[in-house]
Protein backbone atom coordinates (compact mmCIF):
# COMPACT_ATOMS: atom_id res chain seq x y z
CA MET A 1 -27.48 -20.20 51.30
CA ARG A 2 -27.58 -21.94 54.68
CA GLY A 3 -25.23 -24.88 55.09
CA LYS A 4 -26.21 -28.41 56.14
CA PHE A 5 -25.78 -29.97 59.56
CA ILE A 6 -24.89 -33.69 59.65
CA THR A 7 -24.43 -35.69 62.83
CA LEU A 8 -22.92 -39.13 63.34
CA GLU A 9 -24.12 -41.33 66.18
CA GLY A 10 -23.73 -44.85 67.56
CA ILE A 11 -22.33 -46.77 70.48
CA ASP A 12 -18.61 -46.56 71.23
CA GLY A 13 -16.70 -48.84 68.87
CA ALA A 14 -19.25 -48.73 66.02
CA GLY A 15 -16.83 -46.96 63.64
CA LYS A 16 -18.33 -43.51 63.92
CA SER A 17 -15.02 -41.63 64.18
CA THR A 18 -13.53 -43.42 61.15
CA HIS A 19 -16.50 -42.52 58.97
CA HIS A 20 -16.61 -38.98 60.36
CA ALA A 21 -13.10 -38.27 59.05
CA TRP A 22 -13.89 -39.82 55.66
CA LEU A 23 -17.20 -37.96 55.29
CA VAL A 24 -15.58 -34.59 56.01
CA GLU A 25 -12.95 -35.22 53.34
CA TYR A 26 -15.56 -36.52 50.86
CA LEU A 27 -17.67 -33.38 51.23
CA ARG A 28 -14.63 -31.18 50.75
CA GLN A 29 -13.83 -33.05 47.54
CA GLN A 30 -17.39 -32.24 46.42
CA GLY A 31 -16.58 -28.55 46.77
CA ARG A 32 -18.22 -27.98 50.15
CA GLU A 33 -16.69 -25.83 52.85
CA VAL A 34 -16.84 -28.14 55.86
CA VAL A 35 -16.40 -27.70 59.60
CA ALA A 36 -15.58 -30.90 61.49
CA THR A 37 -16.52 -30.96 65.16
CA ARG A 38 -17.54 -33.21 68.03
CA GLU A 39 -19.58 -33.45 71.21
CA PRO A 40 -19.03 -32.94 73.97
CA GLY A 41 -16.56 -30.34 72.77
CA GLY A 42 -16.29 -28.23 69.66
CA THR A 43 -15.39 -25.03 71.51
CA GLU A 44 -12.72 -24.08 74.03
CA LEU A 45 -15.18 -24.32 76.91
CA GLY A 46 -16.81 -27.42 75.44
CA GLU A 47 -13.48 -29.25 75.34
CA LYS A 48 -12.89 -28.43 79.02
CA LEU A 49 -16.32 -29.80 79.86
CA ARG A 50 -15.53 -32.88 77.73
CA GLY A 51 -12.52 -33.57 79.92
CA LEU A 52 -14.71 -33.57 83.00
CA LEU A 53 -17.48 -35.63 81.42
CA LEU A 54 -15.18 -38.36 80.18
CA SER A 55 -13.17 -38.73 83.37
CA GLU A 56 -14.94 -37.50 86.51
CA PRO A 57 -17.68 -39.46 88.32
CA MET A 58 -20.82 -37.35 88.72
CA HIS A 59 -24.56 -37.44 89.31
CA LEU A 60 -26.59 -38.43 86.27
CA GLU A 61 -28.40 -35.10 86.15
CA THR A 62 -25.10 -33.23 86.46
CA GLU A 63 -23.86 -35.24 83.48
CA ALA A 64 -26.91 -34.31 81.40
CA LEU A 65 -26.72 -30.64 82.38
CA LEU A 66 -23.03 -30.43 81.48
CA MET A 67 -23.70 -32.11 78.12
CA PHE A 68 -26.30 -29.49 77.28
CA ALA A 69 -24.13 -26.66 78.64
CA ALA A 70 -21.39 -27.72 76.22
CA ARG A 71 -24.02 -28.01 73.47
CA ARG A 72 -25.31 -24.48 74.08
CA GLU A 73 -21.78 -23.12 73.59
CA HIS A 74 -21.29 -25.36 70.56
CA LEU A 75 -24.41 -24.01 68.89
CA ASP A 76 -23.66 -20.39 69.69
CA LYS A 77 -19.95 -20.30 68.94
CA LEU A 78 -19.60 -22.77 66.07
CA ILE A 79 -22.63 -24.52 64.59
CA HIS A 80 -25.03 -21.62 63.97
CA PRO A 81 -22.34 -19.21 62.65
CA ALA A 82 -20.92 -21.84 60.30
CA LEU A 83 -24.32 -22.77 58.89
CA ALA A 84 -25.24 -19.11 58.44
CA ALA A 85 -22.01 -18.66 56.45
CA GLY A 86 -23.04 -21.47 54.10
CA GLN A 87 -20.64 -24.04 55.53
CA TRP A 88 -21.54 -27.66 56.18
CA VAL A 89 -21.02 -28.87 59.75
CA VAL A 90 -20.29 -32.54 60.46
CA SER A 91 -20.44 -33.42 64.15
CA ASP A 92 -19.37 -36.58 65.93
CA ARG A 93 -22.48 -36.81 68.19
CA PHE A 94 -25.23 -34.34 69.06
CA THR A 95 -28.51 -34.47 71.01
CA ASP A 96 -29.50 -37.99 69.95
CA ALA A 97 -26.55 -39.13 72.07
CA SER A 98 -28.14 -37.58 75.16
CA TYR A 99 -31.32 -39.55 74.58
CA ALA A 100 -29.29 -42.72 73.97
CA TYR A 101 -26.64 -42.46 76.70
CA GLN A 102 -28.18 -40.43 79.52
CA GLY A 103 -31.71 -41.62 78.67
CA GLY A 104 -31.41 -45.18 77.37
CA GLY A 105 -28.14 -46.11 79.05
CA ARG A 106 -28.47 -44.41 82.42
CA GLY A 107 -32.24 -44.15 82.72
CA LEU A 108 -32.73 -40.39 82.87
CA ALA A 109 -36.38 -39.55 82.21
CA LYS A 110 -37.01 -38.61 78.58
CA GLU A 111 -39.07 -35.62 79.73
CA LYS A 112 -36.02 -34.08 81.40
CA ILE A 113 -33.89 -34.47 78.28
CA LEU A 114 -36.68 -33.07 76.13
CA ALA A 115 -36.98 -30.01 78.40
CA LEU A 116 -33.24 -29.34 78.05
CA GLU A 117 -33.40 -29.86 74.29
CA ARG A 118 -36.26 -27.39 73.89
CA TRP A 119 -34.51 -24.83 76.06
CA VAL A 120 -31.09 -25.12 74.40
CA GLN A 121 -32.06 -25.78 70.78
CA THR A 122 -35.45 -24.04 70.39
CA GLY A 123 -36.49 -26.50 67.67
CA PHE A 124 -33.15 -26.74 65.86
CA GLN A 125 -32.32 -30.23 64.51
CA PRO A 126 -29.68 -31.78 62.22
CA ASP A 127 -30.51 -32.08 58.54
CA LEU A 128 -29.25 -35.67 58.58
CA THR A 129 -28.26 -38.05 61.36
CA LEU A 130 -26.34 -41.25 60.61
CA VAL A 131 -26.56 -43.92 63.31
CA PHE A 132 -23.81 -46.52 62.98
CA ASP A 133 -25.34 -49.67 64.40
CA LEU A 134 -23.33 -52.56 65.79
CA PRO A 135 -23.98 -55.24 68.43
CA PRO A 136 -22.23 -54.27 71.70
CA GLU A 137 -20.13 -57.45 71.81
CA ILE A 138 -18.53 -56.63 68.45
CA ALA A 139 -18.10 -52.97 69.39
CA CYS A 140 -16.32 -53.96 72.62
CA GLU A 141 -13.94 -56.20 70.67
CA ARG A 142 -13.12 -53.35 68.30
CA LEU A 143 -12.48 -50.96 71.20
CA ALA A 144 -10.17 -53.45 72.87
CA LYS A 145 -8.07 -53.73 69.71
CA THR A 146 -7.34 -49.98 69.64
CA GLY A 147 -5.14 -50.24 72.72
CA ASN A 148 -6.42 -46.89 73.98
CA ALA A 149 -7.28 -46.38 77.63
CA PRO A 150 -11.10 -46.43 77.89
CA ASP A 151 -12.87 -43.29 79.10
CA ARG A 152 -15.68 -43.26 81.68
CA PHE A 153 -18.32 -44.18 79.09
CA GLU A 154 -16.27 -46.84 77.31
CA GLN A 155 -15.82 -48.62 80.65
CA GLU A 156 -19.55 -49.30 80.91
CA THR A 157 -21.04 -52.81 80.69
CA ARG A 158 -22.38 -54.54 77.59
CA GLU A 159 -25.84 -54.29 79.12
CA PHE A 160 -25.42 -50.52 79.24
CA PHE A 161 -24.45 -50.38 75.57
CA ASP A 162 -27.31 -52.68 74.67
CA ARG A 163 -29.70 -50.15 76.21
CA VAL A 164 -27.94 -47.30 74.38
CA ARG A 165 -28.18 -49.16 71.08
CA LYS A 166 -31.88 -49.83 71.54
CA ALA A 167 -32.49 -46.16 72.36
CA TYR A 168 -30.79 -45.12 69.12
CA LEU A 169 -32.88 -47.58 67.11
CA ARG A 170 -36.09 -46.35 68.75
CA ARG A 171 -35.24 -42.77 67.79
CA ALA A 172 -34.45 -43.84 64.24
CA GLY A 173 -37.80 -45.61 64.05
CA ALA A 174 -39.58 -42.46 65.26
CA GLU A 175 -37.75 -40.10 62.86
CA PRO A 176 -36.92 -42.10 59.71
CA ASP A 177 -36.67 -39.05 57.46
CA ARG A 178 -33.85 -37.50 59.51
CA ILE A 179 -32.17 -40.53 61.08
CA LYS A 180 -30.64 -43.22 58.85
CA VAL A 181 -29.33 -46.45 60.38
CA VAL A 182 -26.09 -47.82 58.91
CA ASP A 183 -25.18 -51.45 59.60
CA SER A 184 -21.57 -51.23 60.73
CA ARG A 185 -20.99 -54.94 60.13
CA GLN A 186 -20.72 -54.12 56.42
CA SER A 187 -17.41 -53.48 54.73
CA ILE A 188 -16.07 -49.94 54.85
CA SER A 189 -16.48 -49.61 51.07
CA ASP A 190 -20.15 -50.66 51.23
CA ILE A 191 -20.78 -48.21 54.05
CA ARG A 192 -19.22 -45.38 52.06
CA VAL A 193 -21.45 -46.10 49.08
CA LEU A 194 -24.43 -45.83 51.42
CA LEU A 195 -23.18 -42.56 52.91
CA GLU A 196 -22.75 -41.06 49.46
CA LYS A 197 -26.36 -42.00 48.69
CA TYR A 198 -27.67 -40.28 51.82
CA ILE A 199 -25.60 -37.16 51.18
CA ALA A 200 -26.88 -36.94 47.60
CA ILE A 201 -30.48 -36.46 48.73
CA LEU A 202 -29.71 -33.57 51.12
């Protein structure tokens, strides 16, 4: 039986990584064989591209092309084989991030992202996408408290993240069956109850 593909999305600082780790462990406790991964990254080549994407200044279209190049490798080397083997794959970001960051945040035409998506994914989509939603001002405060050096995306303005957030919410509104919005202002325990509910209907 084919496994399930779950993706976690949201602006930087919305708590996505924290819930990613918990969700992977929760699924394993339910008896699932789970592969945890992330984008950009997930493969040896993908991680090298991640290093460039998070640190090097580049043209917007170069950024989008590199994101989808890493995604093509991710699908071929990890996601498709794992799903075919009956494993569940939980990814920290996937294609919705391209629409939100390169599209909403940076202003790349949706048609260009859609063309890349059709070429690279040939119709493939996650079974469930969880968008962790948080106002940018709160997300920025949370990021500042981590003490970590911000990457190229985390250094962007609040206006940028406001556009990214709105792009995520527009996508959720257009695909409510696949994309579920989680209010990250809730307590962690309340969020986990909600995640368990969404997983139960897969």
